[in-house]
Amino acid sequence: MFERRFRVPLAQLVALYGNESWRNQPYGGNAWERVAQLVEKLATALHAGPLSEADELLQALRVARHNTGAVTDKLSQLDRCLGLEQPR
């Protein structure tokens, strides 16, 4: 879905975030590389799978952190800002 929407394959995001130019920057790039790698692996596992591998990757993404907090918290905040918050 991401690739269709933004016309950027996950592999390119991994390469972008892994670029040495991001080193020692307080925000951005290198901190997102690990998250992008997990998402890329998840997409592969969901497509070709075993589902047990996809489940493990989902668990890893739930606890993944980036600079100022957990990725799940950042995604929840983004959902709230976009009015997409899921009902509890």
N, C-alpha and C. Protein backbone atom coordinates (compact mmCIF):
# COMPACT_ATOMS: atom_id res chain seq x y z
N MET A 1 0.82 -1.18 0.00
CA MET A 1 0.00 0.00 0.00
C MET A 1 0.88 1.26 0.00
N PHE A 2 1.90 1.25 0.84
CA PHE A 2 2.80 2.40 0.92
C PHE A 2 3.45 2.66 -0.43
N GLU A 3 3.96 1.60 -1.04
CA GLU A 3 4.65 1.76 -2.32
C GLU A 3 3.71 2.30 -3.40
N ARG A 4 2.48 1.82 -3.41
CA ARG A 4 1.51 2.34 -4.40
C ARG A 4 1.21 3.81 -4.13
N ARG A 5 1.05 4.16 -2.87
CA ARG A 5 0.66 5.53 -2.52
C ARG A 5 1.79 6.53 -2.78
N PHE A 6 3.02 6.16 -2.38
CA PHE A 6 4.13 7.12 -2.44
C PHE A 6 5.14 6.81 -3.55
N ARG A 7 4.93 5.70 -4.24
CA ARG A 7 5.81 5.29 -5.34
C ARG A 7 7.26 5.14 -4.90
N VAL A 8 7.44 4.65 -3.68
CA VAL A 8 8.77 4.40 -3.14
C VAL A 8 8.78 3.00 -2.55
N PRO A 9 9.55 2.09 -3.11
CA PRO A 9 9.61 0.74 -2.55
C PRO A 9 10.28 0.74 -1.17
N LEU A 10 9.88 -0.22 -0.35
CA LEU A 10 10.47 -0.32 0.99
C LEU A 10 11.99 -0.47 0.93
N ALA A 11 12.48 -1.19 -0.06
CA ALA A 11 13.94 -1.37 -0.18
C ALA A 11 14.64 -0.02 -0.34
N GLN A 12 14.03 0.91 -1.06
CA GLN A 12 14.62 2.24 -1.21
C GLN A 12 14.60 3.02 0.10
N LEU A 13 13.54 2.82 0.89
CA LEU A 13 13.50 3.48 2.21
C LEU A 13 14.60 2.95 3.11
N VAL A 14 14.80 1.64 3.09
CA VAL A 14 15.88 1.05 3.90
C VAL A 14 17.22 1.65 3.48
N ALA A 15 17.45 1.73 2.17
CA ALA A 15 18.71 2.31 1.67
C ALA A 15 18.83 3.79 2.06
N LEU A 16 17.75 4.53 1.94
CA LEU A 16 17.75 5.95 2.30
C LEU A 16 18.10 6.13 3.78
N TYR A 17 17.38 5.40 4.63
CA TYR A 17 17.59 5.55 6.07
C TYR A 17 18.94 5.02 6.52
N GLY A 18 19.51 4.12 5.75
CA GLY A 18 20.83 3.58 6.09
C GLY A 18 21.99 4.41 5.57
N ASN A 19 21.70 5.44 4.80
CA ASN A 19 22.73 6.28 4.21
C ASN A 19 23.60 6.92 5.29
N GLU A 20 24.89 6.91 5.06
CA GLU A 20 25.86 7.47 6.01
C GLU A 20 25.65 8.96 6.29
N SER A 21 25.00 9.66 5.39
CA SER A 21 24.78 11.10 5.59
C SER A 21 23.93 11.40 6.82
N TRP A 22 23.16 10.40 7.28
CA TRP A 22 22.31 10.59 8.46
C TRP A 22 23.08 10.41 9.77
N ARG A 23 24.28 9.89 9.72
CA ARG A 23 25.04 9.61 10.94
C ARG A 23 25.17 10.86 11.80
N ASN A 24 25.01 10.65 13.09
CA ASN A 24 25.17 11.70 14.10
C ASN A 24 24.13 12.82 13.99
N GLN A 25 23.04 12.58 13.30
CA GLN A 25 21.96 13.55 13.25
C GLN A 25 21.00 13.25 14.40
N PRO A 26 20.46 14.26 15.05
CA PRO A 26 19.60 14.01 16.21
C PRO A 26 18.26 13.37 15.86
N TYR A 27 17.79 13.53 14.64
CA TYR A 27 16.51 12.96 14.23
C TYR A 27 16.64 12.41 12.81
N GLY A 28 15.72 11.53 12.47
CA GLY A 28 15.62 11.08 11.08
C GLY A 28 16.35 9.79 10.79
N GLY A 29 16.73 9.67 9.56
CA GLY A 29 17.35 8.56 8.89
C GLY A 29 17.74 7.31 9.61
N ASN A 30 18.96 7.26 10.11
CA ASN A 30 19.49 6.01 10.62
C ASN A 30 18.63 5.39 11.71
N ALA A 31 17.99 6.19 12.49
CA ALA A 31 17.11 5.65 13.53
C ALA A 31 15.90 4.94 12.92
N TRP A 32 15.50 5.34 11.70
CA TRP A 32 14.36 4.71 11.04
C TRP A 32 14.77 3.49 10.22
N GLU A 33 16.06 3.30 10.00
CA GLU A 33 16.51 2.17 9.16
C GLU A 33 16.02 0.84 9.71
N ARG A 34 16.19 0.61 10.99
CA ARG A 34 15.77 -0.67 11.58
C ARG A 34 14.25 -0.86 11.44
N VAL A 35 13.48 0.19 11.63
CA VAL A 35 12.02 0.11 11.49
C VAL A 35 11.67 -0.25 10.04
N ALA A 36 12.31 0.42 9.08
CA ALA A 36 12.03 0.14 7.67
C ALA A 36 12.42 -1.30 7.32
N GLN A 37 13.51 -1.79 7.88
CA GLN A 37 13.91 -3.18 7.64
C GLN A 37 12.85 -4.15 8.16
N LEU A 38 12.34 -3.88 9.36
CA LEU A 38 11.30 -4.75 9.91
C LEU A 38 10.04 -4.74 9.05
N VAL A 39 9.65 -3.57 8.57
CA VAL A 39 8.46 -3.46 7.73
C VAL A 39 8.68 -4.19 6.41
N GLU A 40 9.86 -4.05 5.84
CA GLU A 40 10.18 -4.74 4.58
C GLU A 40 10.11 -6.26 4.77
N LYS A 41 10.67 -6.75 5.86
CA LYS A 41 10.62 -8.19 6.16
C LYS A 41 9.19 -8.64 6.40
N LEU A 42 8.41 -7.81 7.08
CA LEU A 42 7.01 -8.15 7.34
C LEU A 42 6.24 -8.27 6.03
N ALA A 43 6.44 -7.34 5.12
CA ALA A 43 5.75 -7.39 3.83
C ALA A 43 6.10 -8.67 3.09
N THR A 44 7.36 -9.07 3.13
CA THR A 44 7.80 -10.30 2.48
C THR A 44 7.15 -11.52 3.14
N ALA A 45 7.14 -11.52 4.46
CA ALA A 45 6.56 -12.66 5.20
C ALA A 45 5.06 -12.76 4.95
N LEU A 46 4.37 -11.63 4.88
CA LEU A 46 2.93 -11.66 4.63
C LEU A 46 2.63 -12.14 3.21
N HIS A 47 3.52 -11.82 2.29
CA HIS A 47 3.31 -12.22 0.90
C HIS A 47 3.69 -13.68 0.65
N ALA A 48 4.83 -14.08 1.23
CA ALA A 48 5.36 -15.40 0.90
C ALA A 48 5.53 -16.33 2.08
N GLY A 49 5.37 -15.74 3.21
CA GLY A 49 5.53 -16.36 4.31
C GLY A 49 5.84 -17.21 5.16
N PRO A 50 6.17 -17.86 6.11
CA PRO A 50 5.18 -18.43 7.04
C PRO A 50 4.56 -17.33 7.91
N LEU A 51 3.33 -17.54 8.26
CA LEU A 51 2.64 -16.53 9.07
C LEU A 51 3.27 -16.39 10.46
N SER A 52 3.91 -17.45 10.94
CA SER A 52 4.58 -17.35 12.24
C SER A 52 5.71 -16.32 12.18
N GLU A 53 6.38 -16.23 11.05
CA GLU A 53 7.43 -15.22 10.89
C GLU A 53 6.83 -13.82 10.87
N ALA A 54 5.70 -13.67 10.20
CA ALA A 54 5.01 -12.37 10.18
C ALA A 54 4.60 -11.97 11.58
N ASP A 55 4.11 -12.92 12.37
CA ASP A 55 3.71 -12.63 13.73
C ASP A 55 4.90 -12.16 14.57
N GLU A 56 6.04 -12.81 14.40
CA GLU A 56 7.24 -12.41 15.13
C GLU A 56 7.66 -10.99 14.74
N LEU A 57 7.56 -10.66 13.45
CA LEU A 57 7.93 -9.33 12.99
C LEU A 57 6.96 -8.27 13.52
N LEU A 58 5.67 -8.62 13.58
CA LEU A 58 4.70 -7.69 14.17
C LEU A 58 5.03 -7.41 15.63
N GLN A 59 5.41 -8.46 16.35
CA GLN A 59 5.81 -8.28 17.75
C GLN A 59 7.03 -7.37 17.86
N ALA A 60 8.00 -7.57 16.97
CA ALA A 60 9.21 -6.73 16.98
C ALA A 60 8.86 -5.27 16.68
N LEU A 61 7.92 -5.05 15.76
CA LEU A 61 7.51 -3.68 15.45
C LEU A 61 6.78 -3.03 16.61
N ARG A 62 6.04 -3.82 17.38
CA ARG A 62 5.30 -3.26 18.52
C ARG A 62 6.24 -2.68 19.57
N VAL A 63 7.44 -3.25 19.68
CA VAL A 63 8.38 -2.77 20.70
C VAL A 63 9.51 -1.93 20.10
N ALA A 64 9.51 -1.76 18.77
CA ALA A 64 10.56 -0.96 18.12
C ALA A 64 10.48 0.48 18.61
N ARG A 65 11.65 1.08 18.74
CA ARG A 65 11.72 2.46 19.20
C ARG A 65 12.46 3.29 18.17
N HIS A 66 12.12 4.57 18.17
CA HIS A 66 12.79 5.52 17.28
C HIS A 66 12.96 6.82 18.03
N ASN A 67 14.18 7.25 18.18
CA ASN A 67 14.54 8.51 18.83
C ASN A 67 13.75 8.80 20.10
N THR A 68 12.58 9.38 19.97
CA THR A 68 11.87 9.90 21.14
C THR A 68 10.75 9.00 21.65
N GLY A 69 10.67 7.76 21.17
CA GLY A 69 9.62 6.89 21.70
C GLY A 69 9.34 5.68 20.84
N ALA A 70 8.34 4.94 21.27
CA ALA A 70 7.95 3.72 20.59
C ALA A 70 7.25 4.04 19.27
N VAL A 71 7.53 3.23 18.27
CA VAL A 71 6.92 3.42 16.95
C VAL A 71 5.40 3.32 17.06
N THR A 72 4.89 2.40 17.87
CA THR A 72 3.43 2.26 18.01
C THR A 72 2.81 3.54 18.56
N ASP A 73 3.49 4.19 19.50
CA ASP A 73 2.98 5.46 20.03
C ASP A 73 2.97 6.53 18.96
N LYS A 74 4.01 6.57 18.15
CA LYS A 74 4.08 7.57 17.08
C LYS A 74 2.99 7.33 16.04
N LEU A 75 2.73 6.08 15.72
CA LEU A 75 1.68 5.77 14.75
C LEU A 75 0.30 6.11 15.32
N SER A 76 0.10 5.86 16.60
CA SER A 76 -1.16 6.22 17.24
C SER A 76 -1.37 7.73 17.22
N GLN A 77 -0.31 8.46 17.50
CA GLN A 77 -0.39 9.92 17.47
C GLN A 77 -0.71 10.41 16.05
N LEU A 78 -0.09 9.81 15.06
CA LEU A 78 -0.37 10.17 13.67
C LEU A 78 -1.83 9.88 13.33
N ASP A 79 -2.33 8.71 13.75
CA ASP A 79 -3.74 8.36 13.52
C ASP A 79 -4.67 9.40 14.14
N ARG A 80 -4.37 9.82 15.37
CA ARG A 80 -5.20 10.83 16.04
C ARG A 80 -5.19 12.14 15.25
N CYS A 81 -4.03 12.54 14.81
CA CYS A 81 -3.92 13.79 14.05
C CYS A 81 -4.69 13.71 12.73
N LEU A 82 -4.75 12.53 12.15
CA LEU A 82 -5.44 12.35 10.87
C LEU A 82 -6.91 11.99 11.05
N GLY A 83 -7.35 11.88 12.33
CA GLY A 83 -8.72 11.50 12.60
C GLY A 83 -9.00 10.04 12.32
N LEU A 84 -7.97 9.21 12.40
CA LEU A 84 -8.11 7.78 12.10
C LEU A 84 -8.01 6.90 13.33
N GLU A 85 -8.09 7.49 14.50
CA GLU A 85 -7.93 6.74 15.72
C GLU A 85 -8.98 5.63 15.80
N GLN A 86 -8.52 4.44 16.15
CA GLN A 86 -9.42 3.28 16.26
C GLN A 86 -10.19 3.35 17.56
N PRO A 87 -11.50 3.01 17.52
CA PRO A 87 -12.27 2.98 18.76
C PRO A 87 -11.77 1.89 19.67
N ARG A 88 -11.86 2.14 20.96
CA ARG A 88 -11.39 1.14 21.95
C ARG A 88 -12.51 0.27 22.40
